[in-house]
Amino acid sequence: MYTKIHNRSKRTIDKIPEFYDLITKEEYELTQAWGLSTFIDLHECDPDLIKDKKSITEYAISLCKLLEVKAWGPCQINHFGANPEVEGYSMTQLIETSLLSGHCKQNQQNLFGHI
């Protein structure tokens, strides 16, 4: 987890960060933070998988199991994008504490995810 350091007792993200520091597990636990968040970019994905609703649903289920989080309701998947540069499926899976989401850009075989 990267964050701007203002002082040792309080860590926040500034509007224009000057430097970042990696927070240790101990520091994370001391802050009693709600959780962690990350964005991932996956490239050269299997085109058959990122164009298939069933495969995307299976990805969301597997990710919930891997992260040991409880899914809340069904995975929502929608295909959209009039422009071929962004066309693809987007996925949202609600979990008890937040959500998992992602968008598959079909023409470039990329998946952009938020965990």
N, C-alpha and C. Protein backbone atom coordinates (compact mmCIF):
# COMPACT_ATOMS: atom_id res chain seq x y z
N MET A 1 0.85 -1.16 0.00
CA MET A 1 0.00 0.00 0.00
C MET A 1 0.90 1.23 0.00
N TYR A 2 0.70 2.10 -0.96
CA TYR A 2 1.49 3.32 -1.05
C TYR A 2 0.68 4.50 -0.57
N THR A 3 1.31 5.36 0.17
CA THR A 3 0.61 6.53 0.68
C THR A 3 1.61 7.64 0.97
N LYS A 4 1.18 8.85 0.92
CA LYS A 4 2.03 10.01 1.23
C LYS A 4 2.24 10.08 2.73
N ILE A 5 3.45 10.33 3.16
CA ILE A 5 3.74 10.46 4.58
C ILE A 5 3.71 11.93 4.97
N HIS A 6 2.84 12.28 5.89
CA HIS A 6 2.81 13.64 6.44
C HIS A 6 3.45 13.63 7.82
N ASN A 7 3.14 12.63 8.60
CA ASN A 7 3.79 12.42 9.89
C ASN A 7 3.60 10.96 10.27
N ARG A 8 4.24 10.51 11.30
CA ARG A 8 4.19 9.10 11.66
C ARG A 8 2.87 8.69 12.29
N SER A 9 2.09 9.62 12.83
CA SER A 9 0.86 9.25 13.49
C SER A 9 -0.34 9.23 12.54
N LYS A 10 -0.23 9.94 11.42
CA LYS A 10 -1.35 10.00 10.49
C LYS A 10 -0.81 9.94 9.06
N ARG A 11 -1.36 9.04 8.26
CA ARG A 11 -0.94 8.91 6.87
C ARG A 11 -2.13 9.19 5.97
N THR A 12 -1.95 10.08 5.01
CA THR A 12 -3.01 10.41 4.07
C THR A 12 -2.41 10.56 2.68
N ILE A 13 -3.25 10.59 1.70
CA ILE A 13 -2.80 10.81 0.33
C ILE A 13 -3.00 12.28 0.00
N ASP A 14 -1.94 12.95 -0.37
CA ASP A 14 -1.97 14.36 -0.70
C ASP A 14 -2.46 14.52 -2.14
N LYS A 15 -2.86 15.74 -2.51
CA LYS A 15 -3.30 16.00 -3.88
C LYS A 15 -2.16 15.82 -4.87
N ILE A 16 -0.98 16.28 -4.54
CA ILE A 16 0.19 16.13 -5.40
C ILE A 16 1.28 15.45 -4.58
N PRO A 17 1.32 14.13 -4.58
CA PRO A 17 2.29 13.42 -3.75
C PRO A 17 3.73 13.73 -4.18
N GLU A 18 4.59 13.93 -3.20
CA GLU A 18 6.00 14.19 -3.46
C GLU A 18 6.83 12.92 -3.35
N PHE A 19 6.47 12.05 -2.42
CA PHE A 19 7.17 10.79 -2.28
C PHE A 19 6.25 9.77 -1.63
N TYR A 20 6.55 8.51 -1.83
CA TYR A 20 5.72 7.44 -1.30
C TYR A 20 6.56 6.52 -0.43
N ASP A 21 5.89 5.83 0.44
CA ASP A 21 6.53 4.88 1.32
C ASP A 21 5.65 3.64 1.36
N LEU A 22 6.25 2.50 1.50
CA LEU A 22 5.51 1.26 1.62
C LEU A 22 5.13 1.06 3.07
N ILE A 23 3.85 0.83 3.33
CA ILE A 23 3.40 0.62 4.69
C ILE A 23 3.56 -0.86 5.05
N THR A 24 4.09 -1.11 6.21
CA THR A 24 4.27 -2.49 6.66
C THR A 24 2.93 -3.04 7.15
N LYS A 25 2.85 -4.37 7.27
CA LYS A 25 1.64 -5.00 7.78
C LYS A 25 1.33 -4.49 9.19
N GLU A 26 2.35 -4.32 10.01
CA GLU A 26 2.15 -3.82 11.38
C GLU A 26 1.55 -2.41 11.36
N GLU A 27 2.09 -1.53 10.51
CA GLU A 27 1.56 -0.17 10.42
C GLU A 27 0.12 -0.18 9.92
N TYR A 28 -0.17 -1.04 8.94
CA TYR A 28 -1.53 -1.16 8.41
C TYR A 28 -2.50 -1.57 9.52
N GLU A 29 -2.12 -2.57 10.30
CA GLU A 29 -2.98 -3.05 11.39
C GLU A 29 -3.15 -1.98 12.47
N LEU A 30 -2.13 -1.20 12.74
CA LEU A 30 -2.22 -0.15 13.75
C LEU A 30 -3.20 0.96 13.34
N THR A 31 -3.32 1.21 12.06
CA THR A 31 -4.22 2.26 11.59
C THR A 31 -5.68 1.83 11.61
N GLN A 32 -5.91 0.52 11.78
CA GLN A 32 -7.26 -0.05 11.76
C GLN A 32 -7.99 0.34 10.48
N ALA A 33 -7.26 0.32 9.38
CA ALA A 33 -7.84 0.66 8.08
C ALA A 33 -8.93 -0.35 7.71
N TRP A 34 -9.88 0.09 6.91
CA TRP A 34 -10.98 -0.77 6.48
C TRP A 34 -10.47 -1.87 5.58
N GLY A 35 -9.50 -1.58 4.72
CA GLY A 35 -8.98 -2.58 3.81
C GLY A 35 -7.93 -2.00 2.89
N LEU A 36 -7.58 -2.77 1.90
CA LEU A 36 -6.61 -2.36 0.89
C LEU A 36 -7.28 -2.35 -0.47
N SER A 37 -6.74 -1.58 -1.37
CA SER A 37 -7.28 -1.50 -2.72
C SER A 37 -6.12 -1.50 -3.70
N THR A 38 -6.33 -2.15 -4.83
CA THR A 38 -5.30 -2.15 -5.87
C THR A 38 -5.94 -2.19 -7.25
N PHE A 39 -5.24 -1.67 -8.22
CA PHE A 39 -5.65 -1.74 -9.62
C PHE A 39 -4.64 -2.60 -10.34
N ILE A 40 -5.12 -3.47 -11.20
CA ILE A 40 -4.23 -4.34 -11.96
C ILE A 40 -4.54 -4.22 -13.45
N ASP A 41 -3.50 -4.29 -14.25
CA ASP A 41 -3.63 -4.33 -15.71
C ASP A 41 -3.04 -5.65 -16.17
N LEU A 42 -3.87 -6.48 -16.79
CA LEU A 42 -3.40 -7.75 -17.33
C LEU A 42 -3.40 -7.65 -18.85
N HIS A 43 -2.28 -7.99 -19.45
CA HIS A 43 -2.14 -7.89 -20.91
C HIS A 43 -1.99 -9.27 -21.52
N GLU A 44 -2.26 -9.36 -22.82
CA GLU A 44 -2.17 -10.60 -23.58
C GLU A 44 -3.04 -11.70 -22.98
N CYS A 45 -4.25 -11.32 -22.57
CA CYS A 45 -5.20 -12.29 -22.03
C CYS A 45 -5.73 -13.17 -23.14
N ASP A 46 -6.18 -14.35 -22.78
CA ASP A 46 -6.79 -15.28 -23.74
C ASP A 46 -8.04 -14.62 -24.31
N PRO A 47 -8.08 -14.34 -25.62
CA PRO A 47 -9.22 -13.63 -26.19
C PRO A 47 -10.54 -14.39 -26.04
N ASP A 48 -10.48 -15.71 -26.04
CA ASP A 48 -11.71 -16.48 -25.88
C ASP A 48 -12.29 -16.32 -24.47
N LEU A 49 -11.43 -16.16 -23.48
CA LEU A 49 -11.90 -16.03 -22.10
C LEU A 49 -12.45 -14.64 -21.81
N ILE A 50 -11.80 -13.58 -22.30
CA ILE A 50 -12.27 -12.23 -21.97
C ILE A 50 -13.49 -11.81 -22.81
N LYS A 51 -13.89 -12.66 -23.75
CA LYS A 51 -15.10 -12.39 -24.56
C LYS A 51 -16.26 -13.29 -24.13
N ASP A 52 -16.08 -14.03 -23.04
CA ASP A 52 -17.07 -15.02 -22.62
C ASP A 52 -17.60 -14.70 -21.22
N LYS A 53 -18.92 -14.43 -21.14
CA LYS A 53 -19.53 -14.07 -19.86
C LYS A 53 -19.33 -15.15 -18.79
N LYS A 54 -19.44 -16.40 -19.19
CA LYS A 54 -19.29 -17.49 -18.22
C LYS A 54 -17.87 -17.51 -17.64
N SER A 55 -16.87 -17.31 -18.48
CA SER A 55 -15.48 -17.29 -18.03
C SER A 55 -15.22 -16.11 -17.09
N ILE A 56 -15.82 -14.97 -17.39
CA ILE A 56 -15.64 -13.79 -16.54
C ILE A 56 -16.30 -14.02 -15.19
N THR A 57 -17.47 -14.64 -15.18
CA THR A 57 -18.14 -14.99 -13.92
C THR A 57 -17.29 -15.95 -13.10
N GLU A 58 -16.72 -16.95 -13.76
CA GLU A 58 -15.84 -17.92 -13.08
C GLU A 58 -14.60 -17.22 -12.51
N TYR A 59 -14.08 -16.22 -13.23
CA TYR A 59 -12.95 -15.43 -12.73
C TYR A 59 -13.33 -14.72 -11.43
N ALA A 60 -14.51 -14.10 -11.40
CA ALA A 60 -14.95 -13.38 -10.20
C ALA A 60 -15.13 -14.34 -9.03
N ILE A 61 -15.70 -15.49 -9.27
CA ILE A 61 -15.89 -16.49 -8.21
C ILE A 61 -14.54 -16.97 -7.69
N SER A 62 -13.62 -17.28 -8.60
CA SER A 62 -12.28 -17.74 -8.21
C SER A 62 -11.53 -16.67 -7.43
N LEU A 63 -11.67 -15.42 -7.85
CA LEU A 63 -10.99 -14.32 -7.17
C LEU A 63 -11.52 -14.16 -5.74
N CYS A 64 -12.83 -14.29 -5.56
CA CYS A 64 -13.41 -14.21 -4.22
C CYS A 64 -12.85 -15.32 -3.33
N LYS A 65 -12.76 -16.52 -3.87
CA LYS A 65 -12.20 -17.64 -3.09
C LYS A 65 -10.74 -17.39 -2.75
N LEU A 66 -9.96 -16.94 -3.73
CA LEU A 66 -8.55 -16.67 -3.51
C LEU A 66 -8.33 -15.61 -2.43
N LEU A 67 -9.14 -14.56 -2.46
CA LEU A 67 -9.01 -13.46 -1.50
C LEU A 67 -9.72 -13.74 -0.18
N GLU A 68 -10.44 -14.85 -0.13
CA GLU A 68 -11.20 -15.25 1.07
C GLU A 68 -12.20 -14.16 1.48
N VAL A 69 -12.97 -13.70 0.47
CA VAL A 69 -14.03 -12.73 0.71
C VAL A 69 -15.35 -13.36 0.31
N LYS A 70 -16.44 -12.87 0.89
CA LYS A 70 -17.75 -13.43 0.62
C LYS A 70 -18.48 -12.59 -0.44
N ALA A 71 -18.79 -13.24 -1.56
CA ALA A 71 -19.56 -12.57 -2.62
C ALA A 71 -20.95 -12.25 -2.10
N TRP A 72 -21.48 -11.13 -2.54
CA TRP A 72 -22.82 -10.72 -2.15
C TRP A 72 -23.63 -10.55 -3.42
N GLY A 73 -24.50 -11.48 -3.69
CA GLY A 73 -25.29 -11.44 -4.91
C GLY A 73 -24.51 -11.95 -6.11
N PRO A 74 -25.18 -11.99 -7.26
CA PRO A 74 -24.53 -12.50 -8.47
C PRO A 74 -23.57 -11.49 -9.09
N CYS A 75 -22.63 -11.98 -9.85
CA CYS A 75 -21.70 -11.14 -10.59
C CYS A 75 -22.49 -10.43 -11.71
N GLN A 76 -22.31 -9.13 -11.81
CA GLN A 76 -22.98 -8.35 -12.85
C GLN A 76 -22.01 -8.15 -14.01
N ILE A 77 -22.43 -8.53 -15.21
CA ILE A 77 -21.58 -8.42 -16.39
C ILE A 77 -22.36 -7.75 -17.52
N ASN A 78 -21.77 -6.71 -18.10
CA ASN A 78 -22.40 -5.99 -19.20
C ASN A 78 -21.39 -5.78 -20.32
N HIS A 79 -21.85 -5.95 -21.54
CA HIS A 79 -21.03 -5.69 -22.71
C HIS A 79 -21.40 -4.32 -23.25
N PHE A 80 -20.41 -3.49 -23.49
CA PHE A 80 -20.68 -2.16 -24.02
C PHE A 80 -19.45 -1.62 -24.73
N GLY A 81 -19.63 -0.46 -25.34
CA GLY A 81 -18.54 0.23 -26.02
C GLY A 81 -18.80 0.37 -27.50
N ALA A 82 -19.29 1.53 -27.91
CA ALA A 82 -19.52 1.79 -29.32
C ALA A 82 -18.20 1.93 -30.06
N ASN A 83 -17.18 2.37 -29.35
CA ASN A 83 -15.85 2.53 -29.91
C ASN A 83 -15.07 1.23 -29.73
N PRO A 84 -14.52 0.65 -30.80
CA PRO A 84 -13.77 -0.60 -30.68
C PRO A 84 -12.58 -0.53 -29.73
N GLU A 85 -12.09 0.68 -29.45
CA GLU A 85 -10.96 0.83 -28.52
C GLU A 85 -11.33 0.47 -27.09
N VAL A 86 -12.61 0.60 -26.74
CA VAL A 86 -13.03 0.31 -25.37
C VAL A 86 -14.05 -0.82 -25.28
N GLU A 87 -14.49 -1.33 -26.41
CA GLU A 87 -15.52 -2.36 -26.42
C GLU A 87 -15.09 -3.58 -25.62
N GLY A 88 -16.04 -4.11 -24.85
CA GLY A 88 -15.79 -5.33 -24.10
C GLY A 88 -16.74 -5.48 -22.94
N TYR A 89 -16.50 -6.50 -22.15
CA TYR A 89 -17.31 -6.77 -20.97
C TYR A 89 -16.75 -6.06 -19.76
N SER A 90 -17.66 -5.54 -18.94
CA SER A 90 -17.30 -5.01 -17.63
C SER A 90 -17.99 -5.88 -16.59
N MET A 91 -17.30 -6.07 -15.48
CA MET A 91 -17.78 -6.96 -14.44
C MET A 91 -17.75 -6.25 -13.10
N THR A 92 -18.78 -6.47 -12.29
CA THR A 92 -18.81 -5.99 -10.92
C THR A 92 -19.31 -7.13 -10.04
N GLN A 93 -18.55 -7.44 -9.00
CA GLN A 93 -18.96 -8.43 -8.02
C GLN A 93 -18.94 -7.76 -6.66
N LEU A 94 -20.12 -7.58 -6.09
CA LEU A 94 -20.19 -7.03 -4.75
C LEU A 94 -19.66 -8.07 -3.77
N ILE A 95 -18.95 -7.59 -2.76
CA ILE A 95 -18.50 -8.46 -1.67
C ILE A 95 -18.93 -7.79 -0.37
N GLU A 96 -18.88 -8.52 0.73
CA GLU A 96 -19.39 -7.98 1.99
C GLU A 96 -18.76 -6.65 2.38
N THR A 97 -17.50 -6.43 2.04
CA THR A 97 -16.82 -5.23 2.49
C THR A 97 -16.61 -4.19 1.40
N SER A 98 -16.89 -4.52 0.13
CA SER A 98 -16.62 -3.57 -0.95
C SER A 98 -17.08 -4.19 -2.27
N LEU A 99 -16.19 -4.19 -3.26
CA LEU A 99 -16.51 -4.81 -4.54
C LEU A 99 -15.24 -5.13 -5.31
N LEU A 100 -15.39 -6.02 -6.26
CA LEU A 100 -14.36 -6.33 -7.24
C LEU A 100 -14.92 -5.86 -8.58
N SER A 101 -14.09 -5.28 -9.43
CA SER A 101 -14.60 -4.85 -10.72
C SER A 101 -13.51 -4.99 -11.77
N GLY A 102 -13.94 -4.99 -13.02
CA GLY A 102 -12.97 -5.08 -14.10
C GLY A 102 -13.61 -4.78 -15.44
N HIS A 103 -12.76 -4.47 -16.39
CA HIS A 103 -13.21 -4.26 -17.77
C HIS A 103 -12.24 -4.97 -18.71
N CYS A 104 -12.79 -5.72 -19.63
CA CYS A 104 -12.01 -6.47 -20.62
C CYS A 104 -12.05 -5.73 -21.95
N LYS A 105 -10.91 -5.22 -22.40
CA LYS A 105 -10.83 -4.58 -23.71
C LYS A 105 -10.55 -5.68 -24.74
N GLN A 106 -11.57 -6.02 -25.48
CA GLN A 106 -11.49 -7.16 -26.39
C GLN A 106 -10.44 -7.02 -27.48
N ASN A 107 -10.36 -5.85 -28.11
CA ASN A 107 -9.47 -5.72 -29.26
C ASN A 107 -8.00 -5.74 -28.88
N GLN A 108 -7.69 -5.43 -27.61
CA GLN A 108 -6.29 -5.43 -27.18
C GLN A 108 -5.98 -6.57 -26.22
N GLN A 109 -6.97 -7.40 -25.94
CA GLN A 109 -6.80 -8.57 -25.06
C GLN A 109 -6.28 -8.16 -23.68
N ASN A 110 -6.86 -7.10 -23.13
CA ASN A 110 -6.47 -6.60 -21.81
C ASN A 110 -7.61 -6.72 -20.83
N LEU A 111 -7.25 -6.89 -19.56
CA LEU A 111 -8.23 -6.84 -18.48
C LEU A 111 -7.70 -5.83 -17.47
N PHE A 112 -8.54 -4.87 -17.13
CA PHE A 112 -8.19 -3.87 -16.13
C PHE A 112 -9.06 -4.12 -14.92
N GLY A 113 -8.46 -4.45 -13.79
CA GLY A 113 -9.23 -4.83 -12.62
C GLY A 113 -8.97 -3.95 -11.42
N HIS A 114 -9.99 -3.89 -10.56
CA HIS A 114 -9.90 -3.17 -9.29
C HIS A 114 -10.29 -4.15 -8.20
N ILE A 115 -9.38 -4.34 -7.28
CA ILE A 115 -9.61 -5.30 -6.19
C ILE A 115 -9.50 -4.55 -4.88
